[in-house]
Amino acid sequence: YMVLPFAQGGEMFTHLRRMGKFDESLAKFYAAQVALALEYLHHCSLIYRDLKPENILIENSGYLRVTDFGFCKMVDGRTWTLCGTPEYLAPEVILSKGYGKSVDWWSFGVLVYEMNAGYPPF
């Protein structure tokens, strides 16, 4: 089990729906934090596989916590499991072509788009 401290700010999803979209500086601040989290997970040979606003908590300080590691998997090469949230899935996951860490960066791109536009790209 992984235990995380309580994040008073709640889910990014809630904030995004309430605000419509984030201003550019806030979106950049959040994107940088998520990028660092993914970089660390990938350094540890982990693929997160479910990046979305519902799985990111915001602390009162404004810093983020990535949560819900249920689909996270240690992978050195490729994997073929179909999992994740449809709006954030990379094409290779949907097409069962096998995938690696790059699928997290696809989801990251969808997340960054959503933070800036206020809605997902697809």
N, C-alpha and C. Protein backbone atom coordinates (compact mmCIF):
# COMPACT_ATOMS: atom_id res chain seq x y z
N TYR A 1 0.83 -1.19 0.00
CA TYR A 1 0.00 0.00 0.00
C TYR A 1 0.87 1.25 0.00
N MET A 2 0.35 2.29 -0.58
CA MET A 2 1.02 3.58 -0.58
C MET A 2 0.11 4.56 0.14
N VAL A 3 0.61 5.21 1.15
CA VAL A 3 -0.18 6.18 1.91
C VAL A 3 0.36 7.57 1.62
N LEU A 4 -0.54 8.48 1.26
CA LEU A 4 -0.16 9.86 0.97
C LEU A 4 -0.82 10.79 1.98
N PRO A 5 -0.16 11.88 2.33
CA PRO A 5 -0.80 12.86 3.21
C PRO A 5 -2.04 13.46 2.54
N PHE A 6 -2.97 13.91 3.34
CA PHE A 6 -4.19 14.52 2.83
C PHE A 6 -3.86 15.81 2.09
N ALA A 7 -4.40 15.95 0.89
CA ALA A 7 -4.19 17.16 0.09
C ALA A 7 -5.45 18.02 0.19
N GLN A 8 -5.37 19.09 0.93
CA GLN A 8 -6.52 19.95 1.23
C GLN A 8 -7.19 20.53 -0.02
N GLY A 9 -6.44 20.74 -1.07
CA GLY A 9 -6.97 21.42 -2.25
C GLY A 9 -7.90 20.59 -3.11
N GLY A 10 -7.87 19.27 -2.98
CA GLY A 10 -8.73 18.40 -3.77
C GLY A 10 -8.15 18.06 -5.13
N GLU A 11 -9.00 17.50 -5.99
CA GLU A 11 -8.58 17.04 -7.31
C GLU A 11 -8.40 18.20 -8.30
N MET A 12 -7.43 18.06 -9.17
CA MET A 12 -7.26 19.02 -10.26
C MET A 12 -8.54 19.08 -11.10
N PHE A 13 -9.19 17.94 -11.28
CA PHE A 13 -10.42 17.87 -12.07
C PHE A 13 -11.45 18.88 -11.56
N THR A 14 -11.65 18.93 -10.25
CA THR A 14 -12.63 19.84 -9.65
C THR A 14 -12.27 21.30 -9.93
N HIS A 15 -11.00 21.63 -9.76
CA HIS A 15 -10.54 23.01 -10.01
C HIS A 15 -10.69 23.39 -11.47
N LEU A 16 -10.36 22.45 -12.35
CA LEU A 16 -10.44 22.71 -13.78
C LEU A 16 -11.89 22.95 -14.21
N ARG A 17 -12.80 22.16 -13.69
CA ARG A 17 -14.21 22.34 -14.05
C ARG A 17 -14.76 23.66 -13.49
N ARG A 18 -14.34 24.01 -12.29
CA ARG A 18 -14.81 25.24 -11.66
C ARG A 18 -14.26 26.48 -12.38
N MET A 19 -12.97 26.43 -12.76
CA MET A 19 -12.33 27.59 -13.38
C MET A 19 -12.53 27.63 -14.89
N GLY A 20 -12.92 26.53 -15.48
CA GLY A 20 -13.05 26.45 -16.94
C GLY A 20 -11.75 26.04 -17.59
N LYS A 21 -10.70 26.80 -17.33
CA LYS A 21 -9.34 26.47 -17.76
C LYS A 21 -8.39 27.21 -16.83
N PHE A 22 -7.13 26.82 -16.85
CA PHE A 22 -6.14 27.49 -16.02
C PHE A 22 -5.46 28.58 -16.83
N ASP A 23 -5.05 29.66 -16.15
CA ASP A 23 -4.29 30.67 -16.89
C ASP A 23 -2.93 30.06 -17.24
N GLU A 24 -2.27 30.67 -18.21
CA GLU A 24 -1.05 30.09 -18.77
C GLU A 24 0.02 29.82 -17.72
N SER A 25 0.23 30.75 -16.80
CA SER A 25 1.29 30.57 -15.81
C SER A 25 0.97 29.41 -14.86
N LEU A 26 -0.29 29.25 -14.47
CA LEU A 26 -0.67 28.15 -13.60
C LEU A 26 -0.56 26.82 -14.34
N ALA A 27 -0.99 26.79 -15.59
CA ALA A 27 -0.88 25.57 -16.40
C ALA A 27 0.58 25.15 -16.55
N LYS A 28 1.47 26.12 -16.77
CA LYS A 28 2.90 25.82 -16.89
C LYS A 28 3.45 25.27 -15.57
N PHE A 29 3.05 25.89 -14.46
CA PHE A 29 3.50 25.47 -13.14
C PHE A 29 3.08 24.02 -12.88
N TYR A 30 1.82 23.71 -13.16
CA TYR A 30 1.32 22.36 -12.95
C TYR A 30 1.97 21.37 -13.92
N ALA A 31 2.11 21.77 -15.18
CA ALA A 31 2.71 20.88 -16.18
C ALA A 31 4.14 20.52 -15.80
N ALA A 32 4.90 21.48 -15.30
CA ALA A 32 6.28 21.22 -14.89
C ALA A 32 6.33 20.20 -13.76
N GLN A 33 5.41 20.31 -12.82
CA GLN A 33 5.39 19.36 -11.71
C GLN A 33 5.04 17.95 -12.18
N VAL A 34 4.06 17.85 -13.06
CA VAL A 34 3.66 16.53 -13.58
C VAL A 34 4.80 15.94 -14.41
N ALA A 35 5.47 16.76 -15.20
CA ALA A 35 6.60 16.28 -16.01
C ALA A 35 7.70 15.72 -15.11
N LEU A 36 7.99 16.40 -14.02
CA LEU A 36 9.01 15.91 -13.08
C LEU A 36 8.59 14.59 -12.45
N ALA A 37 7.31 14.46 -12.12
CA ALA A 37 6.81 13.22 -11.53
C ALA A 37 6.94 12.06 -12.52
N LEU A 38 6.56 12.30 -13.78
CA LEU A 38 6.68 11.26 -14.80
C LEU A 38 8.14 10.89 -15.04
N GLU A 39 8.99 11.91 -15.08
CA GLU A 39 10.42 11.66 -15.28
C GLU A 39 10.96 10.75 -14.17
N TYR A 40 10.56 11.01 -12.94
CA TYR A 40 11.02 10.19 -11.82
C TYR A 40 10.49 8.76 -11.94
N LEU A 41 9.21 8.61 -12.22
CA LEU A 41 8.63 7.27 -12.36
C LEU A 41 9.34 6.50 -13.47
N HIS A 42 9.58 7.14 -14.60
CA HIS A 42 10.24 6.48 -15.72
C HIS A 42 11.68 6.12 -15.37
N HIS A 43 12.35 6.96 -14.62
CA HIS A 43 13.70 6.65 -14.14
C HIS A 43 13.70 5.37 -13.31
N CYS A 44 12.59 5.13 -12.61
CA CYS A 44 12.43 3.92 -11.78
C CYS A 44 11.85 2.76 -12.58
N SER A 45 11.80 2.87 -13.91
CA SER A 45 11.25 1.86 -14.82
C SER A 45 9.76 1.62 -14.62
N LEU A 46 9.04 2.65 -14.18
CA LEU A 46 7.60 2.55 -13.96
C LEU A 46 6.85 3.33 -15.04
N ILE A 47 5.78 2.73 -15.54
CA ILE A 47 4.85 3.43 -16.43
C ILE A 47 3.60 3.70 -15.61
N TYR A 48 3.15 4.94 -15.58
CA TYR A 48 2.00 5.32 -14.75
C TYR A 48 0.68 4.84 -15.35
N ARG A 49 0.43 5.10 -16.61
CA ARG A 49 -0.69 4.58 -17.41
C ARG A 49 -2.09 5.09 -17.08
N ASP A 50 -2.24 6.09 -16.24
CA ASP A 50 -3.59 6.62 -16.00
C ASP A 50 -3.54 8.10 -15.61
N LEU A 51 -2.74 8.87 -16.33
CA LEU A 51 -2.62 10.29 -16.03
C LEU A 51 -3.88 11.03 -16.49
N LYS A 52 -4.51 11.74 -15.57
CA LYS A 52 -5.72 12.52 -15.84
C LYS A 52 -5.95 13.45 -14.66
N PRO A 53 -6.75 14.50 -14.83
CA PRO A 53 -6.96 15.47 -13.74
C PRO A 53 -7.53 14.85 -12.46
N GLU A 54 -8.30 13.79 -12.59
CA GLU A 54 -8.88 13.15 -11.40
C GLU A 54 -7.82 12.48 -10.53
N ASN A 55 -6.66 12.17 -11.10
CA ASN A 55 -5.59 11.50 -10.36
C ASN A 55 -4.49 12.44 -9.91
N ILE A 56 -4.76 13.72 -9.94
CA ILE A 56 -3.79 14.72 -9.47
C ILE A 56 -4.46 15.54 -8.38
N LEU A 57 -3.85 15.55 -7.22
CA LEU A 57 -4.37 16.33 -6.10
C LEU A 57 -3.55 17.60 -5.94
N ILE A 58 -4.22 18.65 -5.50
CA ILE A 58 -3.58 19.94 -5.30
C ILE A 58 -3.53 20.24 -3.81
N GLU A 59 -2.33 20.50 -3.31
CA GLU A 59 -2.18 20.89 -1.91
C GLU A 59 -2.56 22.36 -1.75
N ASN A 60 -2.80 22.79 -0.52
CA ASN A 60 -3.08 24.21 -0.27
C ASN A 60 -1.95 25.10 -0.74
N SER A 61 -0.73 24.58 -0.71
CA SER A 61 0.44 25.35 -1.15
C SER A 61 0.47 25.53 -2.67
N GLY A 62 -0.37 24.78 -3.39
CA GLY A 62 -0.38 24.86 -4.84
C GLY A 62 0.41 23.76 -5.52
N TYR A 63 1.17 23.00 -4.74
CA TYR A 63 1.93 21.90 -5.32
C TYR A 63 1.03 20.69 -5.52
N LEU A 64 1.44 19.83 -6.46
CA LEU A 64 0.62 18.69 -6.85
C LEU A 64 1.11 17.39 -6.24
N ARG A 65 0.19 16.45 -6.16
CA ARG A 65 0.51 15.07 -5.79
C ARG A 65 -0.19 14.16 -6.80
N VAL A 66 0.58 13.31 -7.45
CA VAL A 66 0.00 12.31 -8.34
C VAL A 66 -0.46 11.15 -7.48
N THR A 67 -1.70 10.69 -7.72
CA THR A 67 -2.28 9.62 -6.91
C THR A 67 -2.76 8.48 -7.81
N ASP A 68 -3.32 7.47 -7.20
CA ASP A 68 -3.92 6.31 -7.87
C ASP A 68 -2.91 5.59 -8.76
N PHE A 69 -2.08 4.80 -8.13
CA PHE A 69 -1.05 4.05 -8.84
C PHE A 69 -1.53 2.64 -9.20
N GLY A 70 -2.84 2.46 -9.30
CA GLY A 70 -3.42 1.14 -9.57
C GLY A 70 -3.00 0.54 -10.90
N PHE A 71 -2.75 1.36 -11.92
CA PHE A 71 -2.33 0.85 -13.23
C PHE A 71 -0.83 0.98 -13.43
N CYS A 72 -0.12 1.52 -12.47
CA CYS A 72 1.32 1.70 -12.58
C CYS A 72 2.00 0.33 -12.68
N LYS A 73 2.98 0.23 -13.57
CA LYS A 73 3.61 -1.07 -13.81
C LYS A 73 5.10 -0.89 -14.07
N MET A 74 5.90 -1.80 -13.50
CA MET A 74 7.33 -1.80 -13.77
C MET A 74 7.55 -2.51 -15.11
N VAL A 75 8.16 -1.79 -16.04
CA VAL A 75 8.36 -2.32 -17.39
C VAL A 75 9.73 -1.88 -17.88
N ASP A 76 10.51 -2.83 -18.37
CA ASP A 76 11.80 -2.49 -18.96
C ASP A 76 11.72 -2.38 -20.48
N GLY A 77 10.74 -3.02 -21.07
CA GLY A 77 10.59 -2.96 -22.52
C GLY A 77 9.21 -2.48 -22.89
N ARG A 78 8.40 -3.45 -23.35
CA ARG A 78 7.05 -3.13 -23.79
C ARG A 78 6.04 -3.94 -22.98
N THR A 79 4.81 -3.44 -22.98
CA THR A 79 3.70 -4.16 -22.36
C THR A 79 2.49 -4.01 -23.27
N TRP A 80 1.49 -4.86 -23.09
CA TRP A 80 0.35 -4.87 -24.00
C TRP A 80 -1.00 -4.72 -23.29
N THR A 81 -1.01 -4.52 -22.00
CA THR A 81 -2.26 -4.44 -21.25
C THR A 81 -3.06 -3.21 -21.65
N LEU A 82 -4.34 -3.42 -21.96
CA LEU A 82 -5.24 -2.30 -22.26
C LEU A 82 -5.79 -1.79 -20.93
N CYS A 83 -5.35 -0.62 -20.52
CA CYS A 83 -5.84 -0.02 -19.28
C CYS A 83 -5.67 1.48 -19.35
N GLY A 84 -6.37 2.18 -18.50
CA GLY A 84 -6.31 3.64 -18.48
C GLY A 84 -7.68 4.22 -18.76
N THR A 85 -7.72 5.52 -18.96
CA THR A 85 -8.97 6.24 -19.22
C THR A 85 -9.01 6.60 -20.71
N PRO A 86 -10.08 6.21 -21.42
CA PRO A 86 -10.12 6.34 -22.88
C PRO A 86 -9.67 7.70 -23.44
N GLU A 87 -10.09 8.81 -22.86
CA GLU A 87 -9.75 10.13 -23.40
C GLU A 87 -8.26 10.43 -23.35
N TYR A 88 -7.52 9.68 -22.54
CA TYR A 88 -6.10 9.96 -22.33
C TYR A 88 -5.19 8.86 -22.88
N LEU A 89 -5.76 7.85 -23.53
CA LEU A 89 -4.98 6.72 -24.02
C LEU A 89 -4.26 7.05 -25.32
N ALA A 90 -3.01 6.63 -25.40
CA ALA A 90 -2.23 6.76 -26.63
C ALA A 90 -2.75 5.75 -27.65
N PRO A 91 -2.61 6.06 -28.93
CA PRO A 91 -3.10 5.15 -29.98
C PRO A 91 -2.54 3.73 -29.88
N GLU A 92 -1.26 3.59 -29.52
CA GLU A 92 -0.66 2.26 -29.46
C GLU A 92 -1.28 1.39 -28.36
N VAL A 93 -1.82 2.01 -27.32
CA VAL A 93 -2.51 1.25 -26.27
C VAL A 93 -3.83 0.73 -26.84
N ILE A 94 -4.58 1.60 -27.48
CA ILE A 94 -5.89 1.24 -28.03
C ILE A 94 -5.75 0.18 -29.12
N LEU A 95 -4.70 0.29 -29.93
CA LEU A 95 -4.50 -0.63 -31.05
C LEU A 95 -3.77 -1.91 -30.67
N SER A 96 -3.46 -2.08 -29.39
CA SER A 96 -2.76 -3.28 -28.88
C SER A 96 -1.46 -3.55 -29.63
N LYS A 97 -0.68 -2.49 -29.86
CA LYS A 97 0.60 -2.63 -30.57
C LYS A 97 1.78 -2.82 -29.64
N GLY A 98 1.52 -2.83 -28.35
CA GLY A 98 2.61 -2.85 -27.38
C GLY A 98 3.09 -1.43 -27.17
N TYR A 99 3.47 -1.11 -25.96
CA TYR A 99 3.86 0.27 -25.67
C TYR A 99 4.85 0.32 -24.51
N GLY A 100 5.46 1.47 -24.39
CA GLY A 100 6.41 1.72 -23.31
C GLY A 100 6.06 3.02 -22.60
N LYS A 101 7.08 3.66 -22.08
CA LYS A 101 6.89 4.87 -21.27
C LYS A 101 6.29 6.04 -22.05
N SER A 102 6.44 6.02 -23.35
CA SER A 102 5.96 7.15 -24.16
C SER A 102 4.46 7.38 -24.02
N VAL A 103 3.71 6.35 -23.63
CA VAL A 103 2.25 6.54 -23.49
C VAL A 103 1.93 7.53 -22.38
N ASP A 104 2.78 7.61 -21.38
CA ASP A 104 2.57 8.61 -20.32
C ASP A 104 2.74 10.02 -20.87
N TRP A 105 3.64 10.19 -21.83
CA TRP A 105 3.85 11.53 -22.41
C TRP A 105 2.69 11.91 -23.32
N TRP A 106 2.06 10.93 -23.96
CA TRP A 106 0.84 11.21 -24.73
C TRP A 106 -0.23 11.75 -23.78
N SER A 107 -0.45 11.03 -22.68
CA SER A 107 -1.45 11.46 -21.69
C SER A 107 -1.10 12.83 -21.12
N PHE A 108 0.18 13.08 -20.93
CA PHE A 108 0.64 14.38 -20.45
C PHE A 108 0.25 15.47 -21.44
N GLY A 109 0.42 15.21 -22.73
CA GLY A 109 0.03 16.18 -23.75
C GLY A 109 -1.46 16.47 -23.72
N VAL A 110 -2.27 15.43 -23.54
CA VAL A 110 -3.72 15.60 -23.43
C VAL A 110 -4.04 16.45 -22.20
N LEU A 111 -3.37 16.16 -21.08
CA LEU A 111 -3.58 16.91 -19.84
C LEU A 111 -3.22 18.38 -20.02
N VAL A 112 -2.07 18.66 -20.62
CA VAL A 112 -1.63 20.05 -20.83
C VAL A 112 -2.63 20.78 -21.73
N TYR A 113 -3.09 20.12 -22.78
CA TYR A 113 -4.10 20.72 -23.65
C TYR A 113 -5.35 21.07 -22.85
N GLU A 114 -5.80 20.12 -22.04
CA GLU A 114 -7.02 20.33 -21.25
C GLU A 114 -6.85 21.46 -20.23
N MET A 115 -5.69 21.56 -19.62
CA MET A 115 -5.46 22.65 -18.66
C MET A 115 -5.53 24.01 -19.34
N ASN A 116 -5.07 24.09 -20.60
CA ASN A 116 -5.04 25.36 -21.32
C ASN A 116 -6.33 25.69 -22.06
N ALA A 117 -7.02 24.67 -22.56
CA ALA A 117 -8.23 24.90 -23.35
C ALA A 117 -9.51 24.79 -22.51
N GLY A 118 -9.44 23.99 -21.44
CA GLY A 118 -10.62 23.79 -20.61
C GLY A 118 -11.43 22.57 -20.99
N TYR A 119 -10.97 21.85 -22.02
CA TYR A 119 -11.65 20.63 -22.46
C TYR A 119 -10.62 19.74 -23.13
N PRO A 120 -10.86 18.42 -23.16
CA PRO A 120 -9.88 17.52 -23.78
C PRO A 120 -9.86 17.67 -25.30
N PRO A 121 -8.76 17.31 -25.95
CA PRO A 121 -8.64 17.50 -27.39
C PRO A 121 -9.47 16.53 -28.23
N PHE A 122 -9.89 15.42 -27.64
CA PHE A 122 -10.63 14.41 -28.40
C PHE A 122 -11.98 14.15 -27.76
